[in-house]
Each structure stands twice: as structure tokens, then as C-alpha cells.
Amino acid sequence: MIKLVIFVAVTAVLAYFTRGSIRSPRHHGFYRFLAWEAILGLLLLNSDYWQIEPPPRYEPLSALLLVVSIYLVAHGTYLLRAYGRADGSRTDQALRPFERTTRLVTTGLFRYIRHPLYSSLLFLAWGMFLKDTSWLAGALTLAATVSLVVTGKTEERECVQYFGSPYREYMQRTRMFIPLLF
């Protein structure tokens, strides 16, 4: 029961802070919200397996994915803030302030992948899934993965509209989430 209360409370907070984007199913933030919901469900579902002895069979891989997730979000956020030149000229209210970049960032992680922040969420979901590989956890992980792919594809349409051909060229030389793979 407590996990359900936590889920509803966190969902309410997420919905409040992303209300601009979840009102528009054509916006990437709508699908990102769905990914966050699946990840929240996964976190609460597998929270009992975070500190058990002996550790789950896939614990080393889970830990690696979680550490990579932290790196991706930290470095990706830094790059967006340092080089993206977010400002008030982008008035799309569905965008979070740090997303209102006016310069295409193609350095650091962005040299290899287009969506390091979504990649971070992907690694987070799979790292949490490996804590306890149940059918329900697998379904939530799959839902998060599909939501993140749709989020990335939708954001790419938005970026092509804003940045034009430089973004199309950027898409040709980078992967979506995982360097050299996907």
C-alpha cells in the first residue's frame, strides 16, 4: 500500500512539473513522462532487491548500468548547459528551461549519441530491471524502453524543425542512445 501511495504522490509531482508537455501528445515530453512513470513503477517494484544478501545474479551488470546512467545524465546536462546557449528566444512552453537550447551541441557525449539524457534513463531502467528480473519488471522495462525511443524520435522531429539541415547531418553521423550500436 505504501508503494502505491508513493507512486501516486511522485506521479502528481512529475505531472505538475511537466504539465506543459504532457498536455500535448505530439511533444517529446509527453512520451518522456510515460518513460518516467514506467521507471518509477520499476523502482518501487524492485526496491526490495537493492540491498539483499546474496546479491542478485546480475548485480555486477546492474551496478555498471546504474553507474553509466549517472555519468550520462551528469555529463549530458553539463554539456547542454555549457554549450547549448539556452535562452528565452525559444518560447515553446512545453520545453524545460535547460532544453531551450539555441545552439546544436555536438561535443563530448553528443559527438557519439544524440540523446545522452534519455540514454541515461534507458540504462537506469535496465539496471533496475536486473535487480529482479520478474515478468512485471520486464514489462515495465520494455514500456520505458519503447517510451524513450518514441521520446527520442519525437524530439528529433522537433530538433529538425528548429535546427534544420545541421541536425539532419548530425543524425547521420551519430547513434540515438548507444555509441556504435543504437
N, C-alpha and C. Protein backbone atom coordinates (compact mmCIF):
# COMPACT_ATOMS: atom_id res chain seq x y z
N MET A 1 0.82 -1.20 0.00
CA MET A 1 0.00 0.00 0.00
C MET A 1 0.87 1.27 0.00
N ILE A 2 1.96 1.23 0.78
CA ILE A 2 2.84 2.40 0.86
C ILE A 2 3.46 2.70 -0.50
N LYS A 3 3.80 1.66 -1.26
CA LYS A 3 4.39 1.87 -2.58
C LYS A 3 3.38 2.52 -3.53
N LEU A 4 2.13 2.17 -3.41
CA LEU A 4 1.11 2.77 -4.24
C LEU A 4 0.94 4.26 -3.90
N VAL A 5 0.98 4.59 -2.62
CA VAL A 5 0.90 5.98 -2.19
C VAL A 5 2.09 6.77 -2.72
N ILE A 6 3.28 6.18 -2.63
CA ILE A 6 4.47 6.84 -3.16
C ILE A 6 4.34 7.04 -4.67
N PHE A 7 3.87 6.02 -5.37
CA PHE A 7 3.71 6.11 -6.82
C PHE A 7 2.77 7.26 -7.19
N VAL A 8 1.64 7.34 -6.52
CA VAL A 8 0.66 8.39 -6.81
C VAL A 8 1.23 9.77 -6.47
N ALA A 9 1.92 9.88 -5.34
CA ALA A 9 2.49 11.18 -4.94
C ALA A 9 3.56 11.64 -5.91
N VAL A 10 4.47 10.76 -6.28
CA VAL A 10 5.54 11.13 -7.20
C VAL A 10 4.96 11.43 -8.59
N THR A 11 3.97 10.67 -9.00
CA THR A 11 3.30 10.93 -10.27
C THR A 11 2.69 12.32 -10.28
N ALA A 12 2.06 12.70 -9.18
CA ALA A 12 1.46 14.04 -9.09
C ALA A 12 2.52 15.13 -9.23
N VAL A 13 3.66 14.93 -8.58
CA VAL A 13 4.76 15.91 -8.67
C VAL A 13 5.29 15.97 -10.09
N LEU A 14 5.53 14.80 -10.70
CA LEU A 14 6.02 14.77 -12.09
C LEU A 14 5.01 15.42 -13.03
N ALA A 15 3.76 15.13 -12.84
CA ALA A 15 2.72 15.71 -13.71
C ALA A 15 2.69 17.23 -13.56
N TYR A 16 2.86 17.71 -12.35
CA TYR A 16 2.85 19.16 -12.14
C TYR A 16 4.02 19.82 -12.87
N PHE A 17 5.21 19.28 -12.70
CA PHE A 17 6.40 19.90 -13.29
C PHE A 17 6.48 19.72 -14.81
N THR A 18 5.78 18.75 -15.35
CA THR A 18 5.82 18.53 -16.80
C THR A 18 4.48 18.81 -17.45
N ARG A 19 3.61 19.53 -16.77
CA ARG A 19 2.26 19.75 -17.26
C ARG A 19 2.22 20.39 -18.65
N GLY A 20 3.18 21.23 -18.95
CA GLY A 20 3.19 21.86 -20.27
C GLY A 20 3.37 20.85 -21.39
N SER A 21 4.22 19.87 -21.18
CA SER A 21 4.49 18.90 -22.24
C SER A 21 3.51 17.73 -22.24
N ILE A 22 2.97 17.35 -21.10
CA ILE A 22 2.07 16.20 -21.12
C ILE A 22 0.69 16.57 -21.66
N ARG A 23 0.43 17.84 -21.82
CA ARG A 23 -0.83 18.26 -22.44
C ARG A 23 -0.82 18.06 -23.95
N SER A 24 0.36 17.84 -24.50
CA SER A 24 0.49 17.72 -25.95
C SER A 24 1.12 16.38 -26.33
N PRO A 25 0.32 15.41 -26.74
CA PRO A 25 0.86 14.11 -27.13
C PRO A 25 1.80 14.15 -28.32
N ARG A 26 1.88 15.28 -29.00
CA ARG A 26 2.82 15.39 -30.12
C ARG A 26 4.19 15.87 -29.66
N HIS A 27 4.33 16.21 -28.41
CA HIS A 27 5.57 16.74 -27.86
C HIS A 27 6.37 15.61 -27.20
N HIS A 28 7.70 15.69 -27.29
CA HIS A 28 8.54 14.63 -26.72
C HIS A 28 8.34 14.48 -25.21
N GLY A 29 8.00 15.56 -24.53
CA GLY A 29 7.81 15.49 -23.08
C GLY A 29 6.68 14.58 -22.65
N PHE A 30 5.68 14.42 -23.51
CA PHE A 30 4.57 13.51 -23.20
C PHE A 30 5.09 12.08 -23.06
N TYR A 31 5.90 11.66 -24.02
CA TYR A 31 6.43 10.30 -24.00
C TYR A 31 7.50 10.11 -22.93
N ARG A 32 8.24 11.19 -22.67
CA ARG A 32 9.22 11.14 -21.58
C ARG A 32 8.52 10.93 -20.24
N PHE A 33 7.36 11.57 -20.07
CA PHE A 33 6.58 11.37 -18.85
C PHE A 33 6.18 9.90 -18.71
N LEU A 34 5.77 9.27 -19.80
CA LEU A 34 5.42 7.85 -19.75
C LEU A 34 6.62 6.99 -19.37
N ALA A 35 7.79 7.35 -19.89
CA ALA A 35 9.01 6.62 -19.54
C ALA A 35 9.30 6.77 -18.04
N TRP A 36 9.18 8.00 -17.54
CA TRP A 36 9.40 8.24 -16.11
C TRP A 36 8.43 7.42 -15.26
N GLU A 37 7.19 7.31 -15.69
CA GLU A 37 6.20 6.54 -14.95
C GLU A 37 6.58 5.05 -14.90
N ALA A 38 7.02 4.52 -16.04
CA ALA A 38 7.45 3.12 -16.07
C ALA A 38 8.67 2.91 -15.18
N ILE A 39 9.61 3.85 -15.21
CA ILE A 39 10.81 3.74 -14.38
C ILE A 39 10.46 3.86 -12.90
N LEU A 40 9.55 4.75 -12.57
CA LEU A 40 9.10 4.87 -11.18
C LEU A 40 8.45 3.57 -10.72
N GLY A 41 7.61 2.99 -11.55
CA GLY A 41 7.00 1.71 -11.21
C GLY A 41 8.05 0.63 -11.01
N LEU A 42 9.04 0.61 -11.87
CA LEU A 42 10.13 -0.36 -11.78
C LEU A 42 10.94 -0.17 -10.49
N LEU A 43 11.23 1.09 -10.17
CA LEU A 43 11.96 1.39 -8.94
C LEU A 43 11.20 0.88 -7.71
N LEU A 44 9.92 1.17 -7.65
CA LEU A 44 9.13 0.74 -6.50
C LEU A 44 8.95 -0.77 -6.48
N LEU A 45 8.76 -1.37 -7.63
CA LEU A 45 8.60 -2.83 -7.72
C LEU A 45 9.85 -3.55 -7.21
N ASN A 46 11.03 -3.07 -7.63
CA ASN A 46 12.27 -3.76 -7.30
C ASN A 46 13.02 -3.16 -6.11
N SER A 47 12.42 -2.24 -5.41
CA SER A 47 13.11 -1.59 -4.29
C SER A 47 13.51 -2.57 -3.19
N ASP A 48 12.80 -3.66 -3.05
CA ASP A 48 13.14 -4.64 -2.02
C ASP A 48 14.41 -5.42 -2.36
N TYR A 49 14.88 -5.32 -3.59
CA TYR A 49 16.03 -6.12 -4.03
C TYR A 49 17.33 -5.32 -4.10
N TRP A 50 17.34 -4.10 -3.59
CA TRP A 50 18.52 -3.26 -3.70
C TRP A 50 19.61 -3.64 -2.70
N GLN A 51 19.26 -4.12 -1.56
CA GLN A 51 20.27 -4.43 -0.53
C GLN A 51 20.03 -5.81 0.05
N ILE A 52 20.06 -6.83 -0.77
CA ILE A 52 19.83 -8.17 -0.26
C ILE A 52 21.12 -8.99 -0.35
N GLU A 53 21.19 -9.98 0.50
CA GLU A 53 22.33 -10.91 0.52
C GLU A 53 21.81 -12.32 0.30
N PRO A 54 22.37 -13.10 -0.57
CA PRO A 54 23.41 -12.71 -1.52
C PRO A 54 22.83 -11.80 -2.59
N PRO A 55 23.69 -11.03 -3.23
CA PRO A 55 23.19 -10.11 -4.26
C PRO A 55 22.58 -10.87 -5.43
N PRO A 56 21.66 -10.24 -6.15
CA PRO A 56 21.07 -10.89 -7.32
C PRO A 56 22.14 -11.32 -8.32
N ARG A 57 21.82 -12.30 -9.10
CA ARG A 57 22.75 -12.90 -10.06
C ARG A 57 23.36 -11.87 -11.01
N TYR A 58 22.59 -10.89 -11.40
CA TYR A 58 23.06 -9.90 -12.37
C TYR A 58 23.55 -8.61 -11.72
N GLU A 59 23.86 -8.65 -10.45
CA GLU A 59 24.23 -7.43 -9.71
C GLU A 59 25.41 -6.67 -10.33
N PRO A 60 26.49 -7.33 -10.76
CA PRO A 60 27.59 -6.55 -11.36
C PRO A 60 27.15 -5.77 -12.61
N LEU A 61 26.36 -6.39 -13.47
CA LEU A 61 25.88 -5.71 -14.67
C LEU A 61 24.90 -4.60 -14.29
N SER A 62 24.05 -4.87 -13.33
CA SER A 62 23.11 -3.85 -12.85
C SER A 62 23.87 -2.65 -12.31
N ALA A 63 24.86 -2.87 -11.49
CA ALA A 63 25.65 -1.78 -10.91
C ALA A 63 26.35 -0.98 -12.01
N LEU A 64 26.90 -1.67 -13.00
CA LEU A 64 27.57 -0.99 -14.11
C LEU A 64 26.59 -0.09 -14.86
N LEU A 65 25.42 -0.61 -15.17
CA LEU A 65 24.41 0.18 -15.89
C LEU A 65 23.98 1.40 -15.08
N LEU A 66 23.84 1.25 -13.78
CA LEU A 66 23.43 2.37 -12.93
C LEU A 66 24.52 3.44 -12.86
N VAL A 67 25.78 3.02 -12.79
CA VAL A 67 26.88 3.98 -12.76
C VAL A 67 26.97 4.71 -14.10
N VAL A 68 26.84 3.99 -15.21
CA VAL A 68 26.86 4.61 -16.53
C VAL A 68 25.71 5.61 -16.64
N SER A 69 24.56 5.25 -16.10
CA SER A 69 23.40 6.14 -16.12
C SER A 69 23.70 7.47 -15.43
N ILE A 70 24.35 7.40 -14.30
CA ILE A 70 24.70 8.62 -13.56
C ILE A 70 25.68 9.47 -14.38
N TYR A 71 26.66 8.84 -14.97
CA TYR A 71 27.63 9.57 -15.78
C TYR A 71 26.93 10.26 -16.97
N LEU A 72 26.07 9.52 -17.66
CA LEU A 72 25.41 10.07 -18.84
C LEU A 72 24.57 11.30 -18.51
N VAL A 73 23.80 11.23 -17.44
CA VAL A 73 22.95 12.37 -17.10
C VAL A 73 23.78 13.55 -16.62
N ALA A 74 24.82 13.29 -15.85
CA ALA A 74 25.65 14.38 -15.33
C ALA A 74 26.40 15.07 -16.46
N HIS A 75 27.07 14.30 -17.31
CA HIS A 75 27.86 14.89 -18.39
C HIS A 75 26.96 15.51 -19.46
N GLY A 76 25.87 14.83 -19.79
CA GLY A 76 24.95 15.37 -20.80
C GLY A 76 24.33 16.69 -20.36
N THR A 77 23.92 16.78 -19.11
CA THR A 77 23.35 18.02 -18.59
C THR A 77 24.39 19.13 -18.59
N TYR A 78 25.60 18.80 -18.17
CA TYR A 78 26.68 19.79 -18.20
C TYR A 78 26.88 20.34 -19.61
N LEU A 79 26.95 19.45 -20.60
CA LEU A 79 27.18 19.89 -21.97
C LEU A 79 26.06 20.77 -22.50
N LEU A 80 24.82 20.39 -22.20
CA LEU A 80 23.70 21.22 -22.64
C LEU A 80 23.75 22.61 -22.03
N ARG A 81 24.06 22.67 -20.75
CA ARG A 81 24.12 23.97 -20.07
C ARG A 81 25.32 24.80 -20.53
N ALA A 82 26.45 24.13 -20.75
CA ALA A 82 27.68 24.84 -21.11
C ALA A 82 27.70 25.30 -22.56
N TYR A 83 27.14 24.49 -23.47
CA TYR A 83 27.29 24.78 -24.89
C TYR A 83 25.98 25.01 -25.65
N GLY A 84 24.85 24.71 -25.04
CA GLY A 84 23.57 24.80 -25.75
C GLY A 84 23.00 26.19 -25.87
N ARG A 85 23.52 27.12 -25.07
CA ARG A 85 23.04 28.51 -25.08
C ARG A 85 21.52 28.60 -24.97
N ALA A 86 21.00 27.98 -23.94
CA ALA A 86 19.55 28.08 -23.70
C ALA A 86 19.21 29.51 -23.32
N ASP A 87 18.17 30.02 -23.95
CA ASP A 87 17.73 31.37 -23.60
C ASP A 87 16.24 31.53 -23.89
N GLY A 88 15.75 32.72 -23.71
CA GLY A 88 14.33 32.99 -23.85
C GLY A 88 13.84 33.09 -25.29
N SER A 89 14.74 32.97 -26.26
CA SER A 89 14.30 33.10 -27.65
C SER A 89 13.47 31.90 -28.10
N ARG A 90 13.64 30.78 -27.45
CA ARG A 90 12.78 29.62 -27.73
C ARG A 90 11.62 29.68 -26.74
N THR A 91 10.46 29.94 -27.24
CA THR A 91 9.32 30.22 -26.37
C THR A 91 8.39 29.03 -26.18
N ASP A 92 8.74 27.87 -26.70
CA ASP A 92 7.91 26.69 -26.54
C ASP A 92 7.78 26.37 -25.05
N GLN A 93 6.60 26.58 -24.50
CA GLN A 93 6.37 26.40 -23.07
C GLN A 93 6.46 24.93 -22.64
N ALA A 94 6.38 24.02 -23.60
CA ALA A 94 6.50 22.60 -23.26
C ALA A 94 7.94 22.20 -22.96
N LEU A 95 8.90 23.04 -23.38
CA LEU A 95 10.30 22.74 -23.12
C LEU A 95 10.69 23.18 -21.71
N ARG A 96 11.47 22.37 -21.04
CA ARG A 96 12.04 22.76 -19.76
C ARG A 96 13.10 23.83 -20.06
N PRO A 97 13.42 24.71 -19.13
CA PRO A 97 14.37 25.80 -19.42
C PRO A 97 15.70 25.33 -20.00
N PHE A 98 16.29 24.25 -19.48
CA PHE A 98 17.57 23.80 -20.00
C PHE A 98 17.47 23.18 -21.38
N GLU A 99 16.24 22.84 -21.81
CA GLU A 99 16.03 22.27 -23.14
C GLU A 99 15.92 23.34 -24.23
N ARG A 100 15.79 24.57 -23.84
CA ARG A 100 15.60 25.65 -24.81
C ARG A 100 16.93 26.10 -25.42
N THR A 101 17.68 25.12 -25.89
CA THR A 101 18.99 25.42 -26.47
C THR A 101 18.82 26.09 -27.81
N THR A 102 19.71 27.01 -28.08
CA THR A 102 19.69 27.71 -29.36
C THR A 102 20.89 27.33 -30.23
N ARG A 103 21.75 26.51 -29.68
CA ARG A 103 22.93 26.04 -30.41
C ARG A 103 22.95 24.52 -30.34
N LEU A 104 23.19 23.89 -31.47
CA LEU A 104 23.27 22.44 -31.54
C LEU A 104 24.55 21.97 -30.85
N VAL A 105 24.41 21.12 -29.84
CA VAL A 105 25.56 20.62 -29.10
C VAL A 105 26.01 19.31 -29.74
N THR A 106 27.28 19.28 -30.17
CA THR A 106 27.81 18.09 -30.86
C THR A 106 29.17 17.68 -30.29
N THR A 107 29.49 18.14 -29.08
CA THR A 107 30.76 17.81 -28.45
C THR A 107 30.54 16.84 -27.30
N GLY A 108 31.64 16.29 -26.78
CA GLY A 108 31.55 15.36 -25.66
C GLY A 108 30.71 14.15 -26.03
N LEU A 109 29.82 13.76 -25.15
CA LEU A 109 28.93 12.62 -25.41
C LEU A 109 28.09 12.82 -26.67
N PHE A 110 27.72 14.08 -26.92
CA PHE A 110 26.88 14.37 -28.08
C PHE A 110 27.60 14.10 -29.40
N ARG A 111 28.89 13.90 -29.37
CA ARG A 111 29.63 13.54 -30.57
C ARG A 111 29.30 12.10 -30.98
N TYR A 112 28.88 11.29 -30.01
CA TYR A 112 28.63 9.87 -30.26
C TYR A 112 27.16 9.48 -30.21
N ILE A 113 26.41 10.13 -29.33
CA ILE A 113 24.98 9.83 -29.20
C ILE A 113 24.18 11.14 -29.14
N ARG A 114 22.98 11.08 -29.71
CA ARG A 114 22.15 12.27 -29.78
C ARG A 114 21.38 12.56 -28.49
N HIS A 115 21.15 11.53 -27.70
CA HIS A 115 20.28 11.69 -26.52
C HIS A 115 20.91 11.09 -25.25
N PRO A 116 21.98 11.67 -24.75
CA PRO A 116 22.59 11.08 -23.56
C PRO A 116 21.68 11.09 -22.32
N LEU A 117 20.79 12.06 -22.22
CA LEU A 117 19.90 12.08 -21.05
C LEU A 117 18.86 10.97 -21.14
N TYR A 118 18.35 10.70 -22.32
CA TYR A 118 17.41 9.59 -22.48
C TYR A 118 18.16 8.26 -22.41
N SER A 119 19.37 8.25 -22.90
CA SER A 119 20.21 7.06 -22.77
C SER A 119 20.43 6.74 -21.29
N SER A 120 20.61 7.78 -20.50
CA SER A 120 20.75 7.60 -19.05
C SER A 120 19.53 6.91 -18.47
N LEU A 121 18.36 7.36 -18.89
CA LEU A 121 17.12 6.73 -18.39
C LEU A 121 17.00 5.29 -18.86
N LEU A 122 17.45 5.03 -20.07
CA LEU A 122 17.44 3.66 -20.59
C LEU A 122 18.34 2.75 -19.76
N PHE A 123 19.54 3.22 -19.47
CA PHE A 123 20.47 2.44 -18.65
C PHE A 123 19.93 2.29 -17.22
N LEU A 124 19.29 3.33 -16.71
CA LEU A 124 18.68 3.27 -15.38
C LEU A 124 17.60 2.19 -15.33
N ALA A 125 16.73 2.20 -16.32
CA ALA A 125 15.64 1.21 -16.35
C ALA A 125 16.20 -0.22 -16.41
N TRP A 126 17.15 -0.45 -17.29
CA TRP A 126 17.70 -1.80 -17.42
C TRP A 126 18.52 -2.19 -16.19
N GLY A 127 19.21 -1.24 -15.59
CA GLY A 127 19.93 -1.53 -14.35
C GLY A 127 18.99 -1.92 -13.22
N MET A 128 17.86 -1.23 -13.13
CA MET A 128 16.87 -1.57 -12.10
C MET A 128 16.19 -2.90 -12.41
N PHE A 129 15.94 -3.16 -13.69
CA PHE A 129 15.34 -4.43 -14.07
C PHE A 129 16.19 -5.60 -13.61
N LEU A 130 17.50 -5.47 -13.73
CA LEU A 130 18.40 -6.57 -13.38
C LEU A 130 18.48 -6.83 -11.88
N LYS A 131 17.89 -5.95 -11.07
CA LYS A 131 17.81 -6.21 -9.63
C LYS A 131 16.91 -7.40 -9.36
N ASP A 132 15.82 -7.53 -10.12
CA ASP A 132 14.92 -8.67 -10.01
C ASP A 132 14.20 -8.82 -11.33
N THR A 133 14.54 -9.84 -12.08
CA THR A 133 14.07 -9.99 -13.45
C THR A 133 12.72 -10.71 -13.53
N SER A 134 11.70 -10.12 -12.94
CA SER A 134 10.36 -10.69 -13.00
C SER A 134 9.67 -10.29 -14.30
N TRP A 135 8.54 -10.94 -14.58
CA TRP A 135 7.77 -10.60 -15.78
C TRP A 135 7.25 -9.17 -15.71
N LEU A 136 6.77 -8.75 -14.55
CA LEU A 136 6.25 -7.40 -14.41
C LEU A 136 7.37 -6.37 -14.58
N ALA A 137 8.53 -6.66 -13.99
CA ALA A 137 9.68 -5.77 -14.16
C ALA A 137 10.09 -5.71 -15.63
N GLY A 138 10.04 -6.83 -16.30
CA GLY A 138 10.36 -6.86 -17.73
C GLY A 138 9.38 -6.03 -18.54
N ALA A 139 8.10 -6.12 -18.21
CA ALA A 139 7.08 -5.34 -18.92
C ALA A 139 7.29 -3.85 -18.70
N LEU A 140 7.60 -3.46 -17.47
CA LEU A 140 7.85 -2.04 -17.18
C LEU A 140 9.12 -1.55 -17.89
N THR A 141 10.14 -2.38 -17.93
CA THR A 141 11.38 -2.02 -18.62
C THR A 141 11.14 -1.87 -20.12
N LEU A 142 10.36 -2.77 -20.67
CA LEU A 142 10.02 -2.68 -22.09
C LEU A 142 9.20 -1.41 -22.36
N ALA A 143 8.25 -1.11 -21.47
CA ALA A 143 7.44 0.12 -21.63
C ALA A 143 8.34 1.36 -21.56
N ALA A 144 9.29 1.37 -20.63
CA ALA A 144 10.21 2.50 -20.53
C ALA A 144 11.06 2.61 -21.79
N THR A 145 11.55 1.49 -22.28
CA THR A 145 12.39 1.48 -23.48
C THR A 145 11.63 2.01 -24.68
N VAL A 146 10.42 1.51 -24.90
CA VAL A 146 9.61 1.97 -26.03
C VAL A 146 9.29 3.45 -25.89
N SER A 147 8.94 3.87 -24.69
CA SER A 147 8.64 5.29 -24.45
C SER A 147 9.85 6.17 -24.74
N LEU A 148 11.03 5.72 -24.37
CA LEU A 148 12.24 6.50 -24.61
C LEU A 148 12.59 6.57 -26.09
N VAL A 149 12.38 5.49 -26.81
CA VAL A 149 12.63 5.51 -28.26
C VAL A 149 11.66 6.49 -28.92
N VAL A 150 10.39 6.43 -28.54
CA VAL A 150 9.41 7.37 -29.11
C VAL A 150 9.74 8.80 -28.69
N THR A 151 10.19 8.99 -27.45
CA THR A 151 10.62 10.31 -26.99
C THR A 151 11.74 10.85 -27.87
N GLY A 152 12.75 10.02 -28.09
CA GLY A 152 13.89 10.43 -28.90
C GLY A 152 13.48 10.76 -30.33
N LYS A 153 12.66 9.91 -30.93
CA LYS A 153 12.21 10.15 -32.31
C LYS A 153 11.39 11.44 -32.40
N THR A 154 10.54 11.66 -31.41
CA THR A 154 9.71 12.86 -31.40
C THR A 154 10.57 14.10 -31.22
N GLU A 155 11.54 14.03 -30.30
CA GLU A 155 12.42 15.18 -30.10
C GLU A 155 13.25 15.45 -31.35
N GLU A 156 13.64 14.42 -32.06
CA GLU A 156 14.41 14.62 -33.27
C GLU A 156 13.60 15.38 -34.32
N ARG A 157 12.31 15.10 -34.43
CA ARG A 157 11.46 15.88 -35.34
C ARG A 157 11.45 17.35 -34.92
N GLU A 158 11.36 17.59 -33.62
CA GLU A 158 11.37 18.96 -33.11
C GLU A 158 12.71 19.64 -33.40
N CYS A 159 13.80 18.90 -33.24
CA CYS A 159 15.13 19.47 -33.49
C CYS A 159 15.35 19.77 -34.97
N VAL A 160 14.83 18.91 -35.84
CA VAL A 160 14.93 19.17 -37.28
C VAL A 160 14.16 20.44 -37.61
N GLN A 161 12.99 20.63 -36.98
CA GLN A 161 12.22 21.85 -37.22
C GLN A 161 12.99 23.09 -36.77
N TYR A 162 13.67 23.00 -35.65
CA TYR A 162 14.37 24.17 -35.11
C TYR A 162 15.74 24.39 -35.75
N PHE A 163 16.55 23.31 -35.83
CA PHE A 163 17.93 23.45 -36.31
C PHE A 163 18.09 23.19 -37.81
N GLY A 164 17.11 22.52 -38.42
CA GLY A 164 17.15 22.27 -39.86
C GLY A 164 18.18 21.26 -40.31
N SER A 165 18.82 21.52 -41.45
CA SER A 165 19.75 20.55 -42.04
C SER A 165 20.96 20.24 -41.17
N PRO A 166 21.48 21.16 -40.35
CA PRO A 166 22.59 20.75 -39.47
C PRO A 166 22.19 19.59 -38.53
N TYR A 167 20.94 19.57 -38.11
CA TYR A 167 20.53 18.46 -37.25
C TYR A 167 20.38 17.18 -38.06
N ARG A 168 19.87 17.28 -39.27
CA ARG A 168 19.77 16.09 -40.13
C ARG A 168 21.16 15.48 -40.38
N GLU A 169 22.15 16.34 -40.64
CA GLU A 169 23.52 15.86 -40.83
C GLU A 169 24.06 15.23 -39.55
N TYR A 170 23.75 15.84 -38.43
CA TYR A 170 24.16 15.31 -37.12
C TYR A 170 23.57 13.91 -36.90
N MET A 171 22.33 13.73 -37.28
CA MET A 171 21.68 12.42 -37.13
C MET A 171 22.38 11.35 -37.97
N GLN A 172 22.92 11.74 -39.10
CA GLN A 172 23.59 10.79 -39.98
C GLN A 172 24.90 10.25 -39.40
N ARG A 173 25.55 11.05 -38.55
CA ARG A 173 26.86 10.63 -38.05
C ARG A 173 26.87 10.17 -36.59
N THR A 174 25.71 10.14 -35.96
CA THR A 174 25.65 9.71 -34.56
C THR A 174 24.58 8.65 -34.38
N ARG A 175 24.66 7.96 -33.26
CA ARG A 175 23.63 6.98 -32.88
C ARG A 175 22.66 7.65 -31.93
N MET A 176 21.53 7.01 -31.72
CA MET A 176 20.50 7.58 -30.88
C MET A 176 20.83 7.50 -29.39
N PHE A 177 21.16 6.29 -28.91
CA PHE A 177 21.35 6.09 -27.46
C PHE A 177 22.67 5.44 -27.07
N ILE A 178 23.18 4.54 -27.89
CA ILE A 178 24.36 3.76 -27.52
C ILE A 178 25.39 3.86 -28.65
N PRO A 179 26.58 4.40 -28.36
CA PRO A 179 27.60 4.57 -29.42
C PRO A 179 27.84 3.26 -30.17
N LEU A 180 27.93 3.38 -31.48
CA LEU A 180 28.22 2.27 -32.40
C LEU A 180 27.12 1.22 -32.52
N LEU A 181 26.08 1.28 -31.68
CA LEU A 181 25.04 0.25 -31.69
C LEU A 181 23.66 0.76 -32.09
N PHE A 182 23.14 1.70 -31.29
CA PHE A 182 21.74 2.12 -31.48
C PHE A 182 21.60 3.58 -31.12
